[in-house]
Amino acid sequence: RGGTSISIPGGELYLID
């Protein structure tokens, strides 16, 4: 709920909460 995007070495991690 909201949508959290985290940039990590190797790509991007999208956490849908």
N, C-alpha and C. Protein backbone atom coordinates (compact mmCIF):
# COMPACT_ATOMS: atom_id res chain seq x y z
N ARG A 1 0.84 -1.22 0.00
CA ARG A 1 0.00 0.00 0.00
C ARG A 1 0.86 1.26 0.00
N GLY A 2 0.89 1.97 -1.22
CA GLY A 2 1.71 3.16 -1.33
C GLY A 2 2.75 2.96 -2.42
N GLY A 3 3.45 1.86 -2.33
CA GLY A 3 4.44 1.56 -3.36
C GLY A 3 5.82 2.06 -2.95
N THR A 4 6.70 1.15 -2.62
CA THR A 4 8.04 1.54 -2.22
C THR A 4 9.05 1.00 -3.22
N SER A 5 9.82 1.90 -3.82
CA SER A 5 10.83 1.48 -4.79
C SER A 5 12.22 1.65 -4.20
N ILE A 6 12.97 0.58 -4.16
CA ILE A 6 14.32 0.62 -3.61
C ILE A 6 15.33 0.26 -4.70
N SER A 7 16.30 1.16 -4.87
CA SER A 7 17.34 0.92 -5.88
C SER A 7 18.47 0.11 -5.26
N ILE A 8 18.72 -1.07 -5.81
CA ILE A 8 19.77 -1.92 -5.29
C ILE A 8 20.78 -2.26 -6.39
N PRO A 9 22.02 -2.56 -6.00
CA PRO A 9 23.06 -2.93 -6.95
C PRO A 9 22.68 -4.19 -7.74
N GLY A 10 22.35 -4.01 -9.02
CA GLY A 10 21.98 -5.17 -9.83
C GLY A 10 20.62 -4.95 -10.45
N GLY A 11 19.90 -3.99 -9.92
CA GLY A 11 18.56 -3.73 -10.47
C GLY A 11 17.73 -2.90 -9.50
N GLU A 12 16.42 -3.05 -9.61
CA GLU A 12 15.53 -2.32 -8.72
C GLU A 12 14.54 -3.26 -8.05
N LEU A 13 14.30 -3.04 -6.77
CA LEU A 13 13.38 -3.89 -6.03
C LEU A 13 12.13 -3.10 -5.68
N TYR A 14 10.99 -3.59 -6.16
CA TYR A 14 9.74 -2.91 -5.91
C TYR A 14 8.92 -3.65 -4.86
N LEU A 15 8.65 -2.95 -3.77
CA LEU A 15 7.86 -3.57 -2.71
C LEU A 15 6.47 -2.95 -2.69
N ILE A 16 5.47 -3.75 -2.99
CA ILE A 16 4.09 -3.26 -3.01
C ILE A 16 3.44 -3.50 -1.66
N ASP A 17 3.28 -2.40 -0.84
CA ASP A 17 2.65 -2.51 0.47
C ASP A 17 1.65 -1.34 0.58
